[in-house]
Amino acid sequence: MSLKPIKILITIAIGILTQSCATITMSKRQNVDIVTHEMSPKISINDYVVSNSSDSVRVSLFRGGVQSLSLDYGKDYLPIHSDIVTSGNRSGIFYITQIPNILTFGAGWVVDSWSNRGYRYKAKFRLDQHPIHIPVRDSSLKFIQLERMRYADSAILPIEVNGFYHHDLDYAMDRAQRKHNRGNGESASEKFLKESLLEVRSKKSKLSSPPNEELLKILRNGGFVDSSAVFKDYSNTLYVETTLLRNQKFELALSKRNSLQDDYVNKRLMIEWKIKNIYGEILDTIITSSYSSSLRKNYSYDGKEKFNGFTKDRNRMDSDAIVKGYMAVYESESFQDLLKINDTPTQTSPTTIALPLRAVQNGADAMRATVIVRTKKGHGSGFSVSEDGYIITNYHVISGTNPQKPMDIMIIDNSGATWPARFIKASKDHDLALLKIDKVFESSFVLPVGPNAKLMDNVVAIGTPMSESLSQSFSSGTVSGFRSAGIYELLQLSMAVNSGNSGGPLLTEDGSLKGVVTGKLVGNNVEGIGFAIPAYRIAEYLGLIFK
């Protein structure tokens, strides 16, 4: 038997062992200086606190891995989660130890290339990212009510995008996105936007979830959540509805060698933010595409995916991207304009209406003067204030999504006849609207010129609670208090009031109009508390002149 093959094998084995031993002699760890912004945050690596308050700290890191870095600047600032300390470069000693590898035709390289000890970190890792101060509300800004998050069909499950890290995370994700899109000449972000909007506008899921807890916490800490409010206020509250349009998860390996050991994990969420007023009218729509902070993911020896520290709960990645999207919305010029409180009620030009020739004097007259106000979203109530067809109702009964124009309105009178209604004017500040139909009423309510409701007055509300089949229903109770809600007054009522009663008249047995039913108090163990706008304020709020 020839000894030549044996000599070759022995030479390769010696080379491999030499290389492995050379790499093993290198230190497992490396000292790295982490330098942060001047505000001395608490610094954590892989959820382990390495400094409670310092601008810089020296840490000893295992070579070859991806480290999760978190900075906590205190409760007044957004935490910076998991900026990644990367180690994609080989140390000089590693290359020196590879010189004998020439004798083994590169075989020793295969062993050494899988060793983490051959990689080095930058000696100093500097974070120039400035901490973001949590927005704080003052008396000039509105409260913010965060509604449930909706989901497009395409966003219920994340779309996984895989790629490799190239020492520039943004470039790596854009490159992975291009590959995922299979390129058609558009940038990844342009194609992402077009696909998402086309898909979500044609397919909207009914799935929704409670508001994001991390964002709610930020709003509470900033004083934007009005937890003490009993009444909804048009003048000082914005409502924010979010829809998740697209949900992507990026998994970027540090290198092919590390593709099964350490990954960057990043989420990109495209969110539609609808800014609305108390009536659900859309004041603005803003679309954001935001990344979460880059997180560390690794695998256990049995191949099961596991997450470290901050990344144990994958929902935290979503929270991070949602908060960043919100900050982009908050800092936008249009949102800042909407956020400012306008204490001056909107003035409308006066409308002259003929005084009723026959005033409501009893229950039968009141029923003939009361109507059902129907829109595509449901129904409410209203009542006549002139024989020639002018009707008062609540604005929230007729409002839609367009702040410039309410929905189409139909009026159903006491006989069951249907009439198309024209919208004349509204006072959104006071939840009142004036409508007109081409009908002559037999009798109408007379608006008082001064306060005419007294504490403990026995009153009756006429309306259509819950269903139109319950039209012209009477609910009785008493005036139990006088309240204020922002810039307008309310009568508190001890009676059962339902949504279909909104806009209906509140009166006494002699037909004297006391108010406009506007809503009820809702909550656990709360029953029989309703509210009405005082009747003597209607002409003032709507700018009506009776002659």
Protein backbone atom coordinates (compact mmCIF):
# COMPACT_ATOMS: atom_id res chain seq x y z
CA MET A 1 0.00 0.00 0.00
CA SER A 2 1.31 3.42 -0.96
CA LEU A 3 2.18 5.74 1.92
CA LYS A 4 1.48 8.88 -0.13
CA PRO A 5 -2.29 9.11 0.63
CA ILE A 6 -1.57 8.46 4.32
CA LYS A 7 1.02 11.25 4.40
CA ILE A 8 -1.45 13.64 2.79
CA LEU A 9 -4.14 12.78 5.33
CA ILE A 10 -1.70 13.19 8.23
CA THR A 11 -0.61 16.58 6.88
CA ILE A 12 -4.24 17.78 6.59
CA ALA A 13 -5.06 16.50 10.09
CA ILE A 14 -2.02 18.28 11.58
CA GLY A 15 -3.03 21.48 9.76
CA ILE A 16 -6.59 21.30 11.04
CA LEU A 17 -5.46 20.63 14.60
CA THR A 18 -2.92 23.41 14.38
CA GLN A 19 -5.51 25.85 13.19
CA SER A 20 -8.05 24.83 15.79
CA CYS A 21 -5.50 25.10 18.55
CA ALA A 22 -4.40 28.51 17.33
CA THR A 23 -7.95 29.78 17.42
CA ILE A 24 -8.60 28.22 20.81
CA THR A 25 -5.64 30.10 22.24
CA MET A 26 -7.43 33.36 21.43
CA SER A 27 -9.50 34.96 24.22
CA LYS A 28 -13.19 34.11 24.42
CA ARG A 29 -14.00 37.68 25.42
CA GLN A 30 -13.16 41.17 24.33
CA ASN A 31 -13.39 44.47 26.18
CA VAL A 32 -15.61 47.04 24.46
CA ASP A 33 -16.23 50.66 25.47
CA ILE A 34 -19.88 51.70 25.03
CA VAL A 35 -20.35 55.46 24.79
CA THR A 36 -23.88 56.92 24.93
CA HIS A 37 -25.58 60.29 24.90
CA GLU A 38 -24.57 62.65 27.70
CA MET A 39 -27.69 62.01 29.81
CA SER A 40 -26.21 59.00 31.64
CA PRO A 41 -28.78 56.25 30.98
CA LYS A 42 -29.05 52.88 32.62
CA ILE A 43 -27.27 50.51 30.22
CA SER A 44 -28.24 46.86 29.84
CA ILE A 45 -26.78 44.16 27.59
CA ASN A 46 -28.91 41.09 26.98
CA ASP A 47 -31.16 42.32 29.80
CA TYR A 48 -28.25 42.43 32.26
CA VAL A 49 -27.61 45.87 33.80
CA VAL A 50 -23.98 46.86 33.29
CA SER A 51 -24.31 50.49 34.41
CA ASN A 52 -27.03 52.27 36.40
CA SER A 53 -26.03 55.78 35.34
CA SER A 54 -23.11 56.52 33.11
CA ASP A 55 -22.20 58.13 29.79
CA SER A 56 -19.79 55.31 29.04
CA VAL A 57 -18.97 51.88 30.34
CA ARG A 58 -16.45 49.15 29.52
CA VAL A 59 -17.93 45.69 29.16
CA SER A 60 -16.50 42.27 28.45
CA LEU A 61 -18.38 40.55 25.63
CA PHE A 62 -18.20 37.05 24.24
CA ARG A 63 -16.72 37.22 20.78
CA GLY A 64 -18.68 36.47 17.62
CA GLY A 65 -22.18 37.05 18.90
CA VAL A 66 -24.91 39.65 18.47
CA GLN A 67 -25.54 41.61 21.67
CA SER A 68 -28.81 43.28 22.59
CA LEU A 69 -28.25 46.74 24.02
CA SER A 70 -30.92 48.70 25.93
CA LEU A 71 -30.76 52.27 27.26
CA ASP A 72 -33.17 53.55 29.89
CA TYR A 73 -33.21 57.34 30.33
CA GLY A 74 -35.97 57.37 32.94
CA LYS A 75 -39.75 57.68 32.89
CA ASP A 76 -39.74 60.97 30.95
CA TYR A 77 -38.07 59.46 27.89
CA LEU A 78 -38.74 56.60 25.52
CA PRO A 79 -36.33 53.73 26.18
CA ILE A 80 -33.94 52.82 23.38
CA HIS A 81 -34.17 49.07 23.00
CA SER A 82 -31.61 46.75 21.55
CA ASP A 83 -29.35 48.74 19.34
CA ILE A 84 -27.04 46.00 18.21
CA VAL A 85 -23.34 45.69 18.98
CA THR A 86 -22.08 43.82 15.94
CA SER A 87 -18.94 41.80 15.35
CA GLY A 88 -18.62 41.03 11.69
CA ASN A 89 -14.86 41.53 11.35
CA ARG A 90 -12.06 39.04 11.94
CA SER A 91 -9.23 39.90 14.32
CA GLY A 92 -5.69 40.27 12.95
CA ILE A 93 -4.48 37.33 15.02
CA PHE A 94 -6.99 35.10 13.29
CA TYR A 95 -5.46 35.76 9.87
CA ILE A 96 -1.93 35.18 11.20
CA THR A 97 -2.95 31.76 12.47
CA GLN A 98 -4.21 30.87 8.99
CA ILE A 99 -0.79 31.04 7.32
CA PRO A 100 -0.10 27.31 7.83
CA ASN A 101 -3.48 26.65 6.26
CA ILE A 102 -1.76 26.85 2.87
CA LEU A 103 -0.32 23.41 3.57
CA THR A 104 -3.79 21.91 4.02
CA PHE A 105 -5.28 23.53 0.93
CA GLY A 106 -7.73 25.48 3.12
CA ALA A 107 -9.06 22.53 5.08
CA GLY A 108 -8.15 24.12 8.43
CA TRP A 109 -10.14 27.19 7.50
CA VAL A 110 -13.36 25.16 7.59
CA VAL A 111 -12.84 24.42 11.28
CA ASP A 112 -11.62 27.85 12.31
CA SER A 113 -14.29 29.73 10.40
CA TRP A 114 -16.93 28.21 12.70
CA SER A 115 -15.21 29.50 15.82
CA ASN A 116 -16.58 32.68 17.35
CA ARG A 117 -13.16 33.58 18.74
CA GLY A 118 -11.96 34.67 15.34
CA TYR A 119 -14.34 37.65 15.32
CA ARG A 120 -13.74 40.99 17.01
CA TYR A 121 -15.84 43.97 18.02
CA LYS A 122 -14.97 47.56 17.47
CA ALA A 123 -13.01 48.72 20.50
CA LYS A 124 -15.46 51.59 21.01
CA PHE A 125 -19.17 51.46 20.21
CA ARG A 126 -20.76 54.91 20.14
CA LEU A 127 -24.53 55.53 20.14
CA ASP A 128 -25.38 58.95 18.77
CA GLN A 129 -29.13 58.40 18.99
CA HIS A 130 -30.74 61.10 21.13
CA PRO A 131 -33.42 59.99 23.60
CA ILE A 132 -36.96 61.02 22.68
CA HIS A 133 -38.86 62.92 25.34
CA ILE A 134 -42.34 61.55 26.02
CA PRO A 135 -44.87 64.16 24.85
CA VAL A 136 -46.53 65.94 27.77
CA ARG A 137 -49.94 67.57 27.54
CA ASP A 138 -50.59 71.08 28.75
CA SER A 139 -53.87 73.01 28.97
CA SER A 140 -53.63 74.13 25.33
CA LEU A 141 -53.70 70.57 23.97
CA LYS A 142 -56.55 68.10 23.59
CA PHE A 143 -56.82 64.71 25.20
CA ILE A 144 -56.24 61.65 23.02
CA GLN A 145 -58.58 58.66 23.06
CA LEU A 146 -56.95 55.58 21.53
CA GLU A 147 -59.43 53.17 19.93
CA ARG A 148 -59.07 49.48 19.16
CA MET A 149 -56.53 48.47 16.53
CA ARG A 150 -58.01 46.95 13.40
CA TYR A 151 -56.23 44.53 11.09
CA ALA A 152 -56.16 44.20 7.34
CA ASP A 153 -56.37 40.61 6.13
CA SER A 154 -52.79 40.87 4.92
CA ALA A 155 -51.53 41.92 8.37
CA ILE A 156 -53.02 39.24 10.62
CA LEU A 157 -49.90 37.09 10.24
CA PRO A 158 -46.41 38.55 9.66
CA ILE A 159 -44.70 38.17 6.30
CA GLU A 160 -41.20 36.80 6.84
CA VAL A 161 -38.36 38.40 4.89
CA ASN A 162 -34.93 36.77 5.13
CA GLY A 163 -31.53 38.16 4.26
CA PHE A 164 -27.99 38.78 5.44
CA TYR A 165 -26.60 41.68 7.42
CA HIS A 166 -24.04 43.82 5.61
CA HIS A 167 -22.88 46.18 8.43
CA ASP A 168 -25.63 48.63 7.45
CA LEU A 169 -28.95 47.48 8.85
CA ASP A 170 -31.14 49.77 6.73
CA TYR A 171 -29.37 48.65 3.57
CA ALA A 172 -29.66 45.01 4.58
CA MET A 173 -33.43 45.26 5.17
CA ASP A 174 -34.01 47.17 1.96
CA ARG A 175 -32.01 44.59 0.04
CA ALA A 176 -33.98 41.76 1.65
CA GLN A 177 -37.21 43.60 0.78
CA ARG A 178 -36.13 43.98 -2.85
CA LYS A 179 -35.36 40.29 -3.08
CA HIS A 180 -38.71 39.49 -1.47
CA ASN A 181 -40.51 41.70 -4.00
CA ARG A 182 -38.51 40.08 -6.85
CA GLY A 183 -37.81 43.61 -8.13
CA ASN A 184 -39.71 45.41 -10.83
CA GLY A 185 -37.79 48.66 -11.05
CA GLU A 186 -39.53 50.19 -8.03
CA SER A 187 -37.82 50.79 -4.73
CA ALA A 188 -38.71 48.35 -2.00
CA SER A 189 -40.53 51.01 0.00
CA GLU A 190 -42.58 52.17 -3.01
CA LYS A 191 -43.70 48.66 -3.88
CA PHE A 192 -44.40 47.90 -0.22
CA LEU A 193 -46.63 50.97 0.02
CA LYS A 194 -48.54 50.30 -3.22
CA GLU A 195 -49.14 46.62 -2.48
CA SER A 196 -50.28 47.31 1.07
CA LEU A 197 -52.72 50.07 0.21
CA LEU A 198 -54.25 48.22 -2.73
CA GLU A 199 -54.67 45.07 -0.72
CA VAL A 200 -56.03 46.62 2.45
CA ARG A 201 -58.49 48.89 0.68
CA SER A 202 -60.01 45.86 -1.03
CA LYS A 203 -59.80 43.49 1.93
CA LYS A 204 -60.56 44.72 5.42
CA SER A 205 -60.59 42.24 8.25
CA LYS A 206 -63.14 42.47 11.07
CA LEU A 207 -60.41 41.41 13.48
CA SER A 208 -59.43 44.00 16.09
CA SER A 209 -57.56 44.13 19.37
CA PRO A 210 -57.43 46.46 22.38
CA PRO A 211 -55.18 49.53 22.09
CA ASN A 212 -51.46 48.84 22.39
CA GLU A 213 -50.56 48.86 26.08
CA GLU A 214 -47.13 50.45 25.59
CA LEU A 215 -48.65 53.35 23.65
CA LEU A 216 -51.44 53.73 26.22
CA LYS A 217 -48.81 53.91 28.94
CA ILE A 218 -47.01 56.70 27.09
CA LEU A 219 -50.27 58.63 26.65
CA ARG A 220 -51.13 58.21 30.33
CA ASN A 221 -47.68 59.28 31.50
CA GLY A 222 -47.92 62.32 29.27
CA GLY A 223 -51.33 63.30 30.65
CA PHE A 224 -53.17 62.73 27.35
CA VAL A 225 -55.68 60.24 28.80
CA ASP A 226 -58.60 61.91 30.55
CA SER A 227 -59.56 59.20 33.02
CA SER A 228 -61.78 61.52 35.10
CA ALA A 229 -64.07 62.68 32.27
CA VAL A 230 -67.75 61.74 32.54
CA PHE A 231 -68.86 63.58 29.40
CA LYS A 232 -67.45 63.41 25.90
CA ASP A 233 -66.24 66.80 24.80
CA TYR A 234 -65.99 67.86 21.15
CA SER A 235 -63.65 70.73 21.94
CA ASN A 236 -60.92 68.92 23.88
CA THR A 237 -60.63 65.30 22.70
CA LEU A 238 -59.22 63.63 19.61
CA TYR A 239 -59.93 60.00 18.77
CA VAL A 240 -57.28 57.89 17.06
CA GLU A 241 -58.22 54.75 15.15
CA THR A 242 -55.37 52.53 13.95
CA THR A 243 -55.40 49.89 11.24
CA LEU A 244 -52.43 47.59 10.72
CA LEU A 245 -52.03 47.44 6.95
CA ARG A 246 -48.92 45.31 6.63
CA ASN A 247 -46.87 43.28 9.09
CA GLN A 248 -43.36 42.17 8.16
CA LYS A 249 -40.70 40.37 10.15
CA PHE A 250 -37.10 40.61 8.95
CA GLU A 251 -34.60 37.93 9.93
CA LEU A 252 -31.09 38.96 8.96
CA ALA A 253 -28.20 36.61 9.67
CA LEU A 254 -24.86 38.14 10.59
CA SER A 255 -23.27 35.93 7.95
CA LYS A 256 -23.87 32.59 6.28
CA ARG A 257 -21.69 31.04 8.92
CA ASN A 258 -23.91 32.45 11.63
CA SER A 259 -27.21 31.91 9.84
CA LEU A 260 -28.28 29.24 12.34
CA GLN A 261 -26.78 30.89 15.41
CA ASP A 262 -27.42 34.62 15.63
CA ASP A 263 -29.93 36.74 13.76
CA TYR A 264 -31.10 40.29 13.73
CA VAL A 265 -34.87 40.27 14.11
CA ASN A 266 -36.77 43.39 13.09
CA LYS A 267 -40.44 44.18 12.52
CA ARG A 268 -41.79 46.69 10.05
CA LEU A 269 -45.39 47.75 10.51
CA MET A 270 -47.39 49.87 8.11
CA ILE A 271 -50.16 51.56 10.08
CA GLU A 272 -53.02 53.78 9.02
CA TRP A 273 -53.82 56.40 11.67
CA LYS A 274 -57.27 57.99 11.38
CA ILE A 275 -57.61 61.13 13.47
CA LYS A 276 -61.27 61.68 14.34
CA ASN A 277 -63.43 63.96 16.41
CA ILE A 278 -66.04 62.89 18.95
CA TYR A 279 -68.56 62.25 16.14
CA GLY A 280 -66.32 59.82 14.27
CA GLU A 281 -65.63 62.30 11.48
CA ILE A 282 -62.19 61.74 9.96
CA LEU A 283 -60.12 64.89 10.27
CA ASP A 284 -56.92 63.44 8.82
CA THR A 285 -55.40 60.14 7.75
CA ILE A 286 -51.68 59.49 8.19
CA ILE A 287 -49.86 56.35 7.07
CA THR A 288 -46.61 55.39 8.75
CA SER A 289 -44.09 52.66 8.01
CA SER A 290 -41.92 52.11 11.06
CA TYR A 291 -39.32 49.59 12.12
CA SER A 292 -38.95 48.17 15.56
CA SER A 293 -35.55 48.27 17.19
CA SER A 294 -33.29 45.45 16.05
CA LEU A 295 -33.42 42.53 18.44
CA ARG A 296 -31.34 39.51 19.14
CA LYS A 297 -32.59 36.02 18.36
CA ASN A 298 -30.73 32.79 18.85
CA TYR A 299 -31.42 29.08 18.80
CA SER A 300 -31.05 26.45 21.48
CA TYR A 301 -29.13 23.29 20.79
CA ASP A 302 -32.31 21.36 19.96
CA GLY A 303 -33.01 23.82 17.14
CA LYS A 304 -35.96 25.52 18.80
CA GLU A 305 -36.15 29.26 18.44
CA LYS A 306 -35.83 31.21 21.65
CA PHE A 307 -35.67 34.88 22.55
CA ASN A 308 -33.49 36.65 25.09
CA GLY A 309 -34.39 39.32 27.61
CA PHE A 310 -36.47 42.05 26.01
CA THR A 311 -37.39 39.81 23.10
CA LYS A 312 -39.08 37.10 25.16
CA ASP A 313 -42.41 38.61 24.29
CA ARG A 314 -42.52 39.07 20.51
CA ASN A 315 -45.33 41.56 20.93
CA ARG A 316 -42.75 43.98 22.29
CA MET A 317 -41.37 44.29 18.77
CA ASP A 318 -44.83 45.32 17.58
CA SER A 319 -45.10 47.79 20.46
CA ASP A 320 -41.78 49.35 19.57
CA ALA A 321 -42.80 49.88 15.93
CA ILE A 322 -46.27 51.15 16.93
CA VAL A 323 -44.77 53.71 19.33
CA LYS A 324 -42.34 54.90 16.65
CA GLY A 325 -45.22 55.24 14.21
CA TYR A 326 -47.19 57.25 16.77
CA MET A 327 -44.25 59.57 17.37
CA ALA A 328 -44.09 60.25 13.62
CA VAL A 329 -47.81 61.07 13.68
CA TYR A 330 -47.50 63.21 16.80
CA GLU A 331 -44.67 65.28 15.33
CA SER A 332 -46.50 65.90 12.04
CA GLU A 333 -47.68 69.43 11.40
CA SER A 334 -51.27 68.41 10.65
CA PHE A 335 -51.62 66.46 13.92
CA GLN A 336 -50.16 69.32 15.93
CA ASP A 337 -52.74 71.67 14.42
CA LEU A 338 -55.59 69.29 15.28
CA LEU A 339 -54.25 68.82 18.80
CA LYS A 340 -54.67 72.48 19.74
CA ILE A 341 -57.79 73.39 21.72
CA ASN A 342 -60.03 76.05 20.28
CA ASP A 343 -61.99 77.52 23.19
CA THR A 344 -64.05 79.77 20.95
CA PRO A 345 -67.24 78.05 19.68
CA THR A 346 -67.73 78.14 15.93
CA GLN A 347 -70.03 81.00 14.99
CA THR A 348 -72.76 80.43 12.41
CA SER A 349 -74.77 83.02 10.50
CA PRO A 350 -78.27 83.59 11.96
CA THR A 351 -81.20 81.61 10.56
CA THR A 352 -84.64 83.16 10.75
CA ILE A 353 -87.56 80.80 11.47
CA ALA A 354 -91.26 81.56 11.74
CA LEU A 355 -92.75 81.23 15.21
CA PRO A 356 -95.12 78.24 15.54
CA LEU A 357 -98.74 79.15 15.01
CA ARG A 358 -99.87 76.22 17.14
CA ALA A 359 -97.67 75.29 20.07
CA VAL A 360 -97.49 71.83 21.64
CA GLN A 361 -99.85 71.78 24.64
CA ASN A 362 -100.19 68.13 25.58
CA GLY A 363 -98.88 64.63 24.97
CA ALA A 364 -100.85 64.09 21.76
CA ASP A 365 -99.47 67.31 20.25
CA ALA A 366 -95.95 66.34 21.37
CA MET A 367 -96.17 62.97 19.58
CA ARG A 368 -97.26 64.65 16.33
CA ALA A 369 -94.30 67.04 16.58
CA THR A 370 -91.75 64.28 17.26
CA VAL A 371 -90.04 62.36 14.43
CA ILE A 372 -87.59 59.55 13.76
CA VAL A 373 -84.29 60.67 12.19
CA ARG A 374 -82.88 57.81 10.09
CA THR A 375 -79.41 57.47 8.51
CA LYS A 376 -77.51 54.49 7.19
CA LYS A 377 -75.77 54.02 10.54
CA GLY A 378 -79.02 53.86 12.52
CA HIS A 379 -81.64 56.18 13.88
CA GLY A 380 -82.32 58.82 16.48
CA SER A 381 -85.12 61.25 17.27
CA GLY A 382 -85.99 64.86 16.54
CA PHE A 383 -88.79 67.39 16.89
CA SER A 384 -90.41 70.22 14.98
CA VAL A 385 -89.89 73.85 16.01
CA SER A 386 -91.95 75.41 13.19
CA GLU A 387 -94.96 74.41 11.08
CA ASP A 388 -92.94 74.71 7.86
CA GLY A 389 -90.67 71.75 8.60
CA TYR A 390 -87.67 72.87 10.68
CA ILE A 391 -86.47 70.06 12.95
CA ILE A 392 -83.99 69.96 15.86
CA THR A 393 -81.89 66.85 16.60
CA ASN A 394 -78.46 65.91 17.94
CA TYR A 395 -75.56 66.27 15.53
CA HIS A 396 -74.19 62.88 16.50
CA VAL A 397 -77.39 61.30 15.14
CA ILE A 398 -76.62 62.45 11.57
CA SER A 399 -72.81 62.67 11.51
CA GLY A 400 -70.79 60.42 9.23
CA THR A 401 -67.07 60.19 8.45
CA ASN A 402 -66.92 63.38 6.36
CA PRO A 403 -66.62 66.48 8.58
CA GLN A 404 -67.83 68.69 5.73
CA LYS A 405 -71.09 66.85 5.11
CA PRO A 406 -73.33 64.63 7.24
CA MET A 407 -74.92 61.44 5.94
CA ASP A 408 -78.11 61.29 3.89
CA ILE A 409 -81.06 61.80 6.22
CA MET A 410 -84.65 60.55 6.12
CA ILE A 411 -87.38 61.71 8.48
CA ILE A 412 -90.27 59.46 9.54
CA ASP A 413 -93.18 61.39 10.99
CA ASN A 414 -95.87 60.32 13.43
CA SER A 415 -98.04 58.86 10.65
CA GLY A 416 -95.19 56.72 9.26
CA ALA A 417 -94.64 58.89 6.18
CA THR A 418 -91.03 59.27 5.03
CA TRP A 419 -89.46 62.59 4.07
CA PRO A 420 -85.97 63.38 2.73
CA ALA A 421 -84.29 65.96 4.96
CA ARG A 422 -81.95 68.82 4.10
CA PHE A 423 -79.13 69.60 6.47
CA ILE A 424 -79.25 73.34 7.29
CA LYS A 425 -76.61 73.90 9.95
CA ALA A 426 -75.05 72.48 13.11
CA SER A 427 -73.24 73.39 16.28
CA LYS A 428 -70.74 70.59 16.72
CA ASP A 429 -69.53 72.19 19.94
CA HIS A 430 -72.98 71.63 21.44
CA ASP A 431 -74.12 68.46 19.58
CA LEU A 432 -77.08 70.17 17.88
CA ALA A 433 -78.30 70.18 14.26
CA LEU A 434 -81.06 71.93 12.31
CA LEU A 435 -82.84 70.02 9.51
CA LYS A 436 -85.63 70.92 7.09
CA ILE A 437 -88.30 68.83 5.40
CA ASP A 438 -91.13 69.84 3.06
CA LYS A 439 -93.94 69.08 5.48
CA VAL A 440 -96.43 71.19 7.38
CA PHE A 441 -96.67 70.13 11.04
CA GLU A 442 -99.94 70.46 12.93
CA SER A 443 -98.11 71.68 16.02
CA SER A 444 -94.53 72.45 17.01
CA PHE A 445 -92.48 73.04 20.14
CA VAL A 446 -91.80 76.60 21.26
CA LEU A 447 -88.23 77.30 22.41
CA PRO A 448 -88.12 79.14 25.77
CA VAL A 449 -86.16 82.38 25.99
CA GLY A 450 -84.75 81.71 29.45
CA PRO A 451 -84.06 78.87 31.92
CA ASN A 452 -87.28 76.95 32.52
CA ALA A 453 -86.12 73.65 34.05
CA LYS A 454 -86.08 73.28 37.81
CA LEU A 455 -84.60 70.67 40.09
CA MET A 456 -87.06 67.81 40.69
CA ASP A 457 -89.29 68.81 37.74
CA ASN A 458 -91.25 65.81 36.48
CA VAL A 459 -90.33 65.42 32.81
CA VAL A 460 -91.06 63.10 29.89
CA ALA A 461 -88.77 62.15 26.99
CA ILE A 462 -90.31 61.11 23.66
CA GLY A 463 -88.27 59.13 21.19
CA THR A 464 -87.53 55.84 19.49
CA PRO A 465 -85.34 53.75 21.80
CA MET A 466 -83.35 50.86 20.32
CA SER A 467 -85.67 49.96 17.42
CA GLU A 468 -87.92 51.93 15.05
CA SER A 469 -90.73 49.57 16.04
CA LEU A 470 -90.66 51.35 19.43
CA SER A 471 -91.28 54.80 17.94
CA GLN A 472 -93.04 57.53 19.96
CA SER A 473 -92.18 55.90 23.27
CA PHE A 474 -92.49 57.88 26.50
CA SER A 475 -89.90 57.73 29.30
CA SER A 476 -90.59 59.59 32.53
CA GLY A 477 -88.31 60.85 35.26
CA THR A 478 -87.12 63.99 37.01
CA VAL A 479 -84.52 66.69 36.54
CA SER A 480 -81.93 65.57 39.09
CA GLY A 481 -79.10 68.02 38.51
CA PHE A 482 -77.44 70.73 36.44
CA ARG A 483 -74.05 69.94 34.93
CA SER A 484 -71.50 71.50 32.62
CA ALA A 485 -69.59 69.67 29.89
CA GLY A 486 -66.82 71.81 28.49
CA ILE A 487 -68.43 74.89 27.00
CA TYR A 488 -72.10 73.89 27.30
CA GLU A 489 -74.67 73.09 29.94
CA LEU A 490 -76.54 69.85 30.59
CA LEU A 491 -79.57 68.76 32.56
CA GLN A 492 -79.07 65.53 34.49
CA LEU A 493 -82.08 63.22 34.32
CA SER A 494 -83.18 60.30 36.45
CA MET A 495 -84.77 58.24 33.69
CA ALA A 496 -84.07 55.40 31.28
CA VAL A 497 -82.56 56.83 28.09
CA ASN A 498 -81.39 54.76 25.11
CA SER A 499 -79.44 55.60 21.98
CA GLY A 500 -82.56 56.02 19.83
CA ASN A 501 -83.82 58.72 22.20
CA SER A 502 -80.98 61.05 21.19
CA GLY A 503 -82.31 64.28 19.67
CA GLY A 504 -85.83 63.85 21.02
CA PRO A 505 -87.71 66.38 23.13
CA LEU A 506 -87.74 66.56 26.92
CA LEU A 507 -90.97 68.15 28.14
CA THR A 508 -93.48 68.46 30.95
CA GLU A 509 -97.11 67.32 30.79
CA ASP A 510 -98.29 70.73 29.57
CA GLY A 511 -96.01 70.52 26.50
CA SER A 512 -93.39 72.94 27.79
CA LEU A 513 -90.05 72.06 26.17
CA LYS A 514 -87.29 71.63 28.74
CA GLY A 515 -84.46 70.20 26.66
CA VAL A 516 -83.04 67.95 23.93
CA VAL A 517 -82.16 64.43 25.06
CA THR A 518 -78.51 63.90 24.23
CA GLY A 519 -77.30 60.71 25.88
CA LYS A 520 -76.85 58.64 28.99
CA LEU A 521 -74.10 57.73 31.42
CA VAL A 522 -72.65 54.31 30.61
CA GLY A 523 -70.69 52.07 32.99
CA ASN A 524 -70.78 49.18 35.44
CA ASN A 525 -73.60 49.49 37.97
CA VAL A 526 -74.86 52.68 36.31
CA GLU A 527 -78.53 52.80 35.42
CA GLY A 528 -81.17 55.47 34.89
CA ILE A 529 -78.92 58.50 34.39
CA GLY A 530 -79.50 60.55 31.24
CA PHE A 531 -78.67 64.04 30.04
CA ALA A 532 -80.34 66.76 27.99
CA ILE A 533 -79.31 70.09 26.52
CA PRO A 534 -81.41 72.91 28.10
CA ALA A 535 -84.08 74.07 25.65
CA TYR A 536 -83.45 77.78 26.24
CA ARG A 537 -79.89 77.34 24.88
CA ILE A 538 -80.92 75.85 21.50
CA ALA A 539 -81.54 79.15 19.70
CA GLU A 540 -78.29 80.59 21.04
CA TYR A 541 -76.15 77.55 20.16
CA LEU A 542 -77.59 77.23 16.63
CA GLY A 543 -77.99 80.92 15.87
CA LEU A 544 -81.79 80.85 15.41
CA ILE A 545 -84.04 83.89 15.28
CA PHE A 546 -87.79 83.31 15.64
CA LYS A 547 -90.19 85.88 14.17
